[in-house]
Amino acid sequence: MKPFHFTLEPLRVLRRQKERAAQQRYARALIECAEAERQLERATAEMQTGWKLLGSELDRGIAAARLANLRMWCRILENRRGERRGALAEARRAADEVFSEMAVAIRDREALDRFHDKSRRTHDREVSREQQKMFDELAVQLNGTPGPLQFPGRTT
């Protein structure tokens, strides 16, 4: 009997490659999320430091121009933190989207793998059935008992 050949093997290879590519994109998206979180933490720390500086300057008494400059700087830091928060939300949204793509790629590959395994089992059962049939015929021939195609009383 001929060896097992899965006709959809090229598609199976492509699905594995698609899954690997999706996993790599997801890993990059997670790295981008982590970087966005670090930047948000940095911006938050800078903003808190700016507000503390403004508070300490107010306690000591400062000129109006200096107060205006510090308040403007704190608002810039707040805006920067807001931008970083938005960047983090966007990075998380992108990571969720890539995760969904990766889940679809995994599901597609697994479906094809299950079909491959089922085809392989069917082939193996057929090979086993053919071998058993061959062994049965051989045993009948070696035993000298008439087989299903041999008629008793008839000699060749």
Foldseek 3Di string as FASTA:
>chain_A
DDDDDDPCVVVLVVLVVQLVVLVVVLVVLVVQLVVLVVQLVVLVVVLVVLVVVLVVCVVVDDDPVVNVVSVVVSVVSVVSSVVSVVSNVVSVVVSVVSVVSSVVSVVVSVVVVVVVVVSNVVVVVVVVVVVVVVVVVVVCVVVVPDDPPDDPPDDD
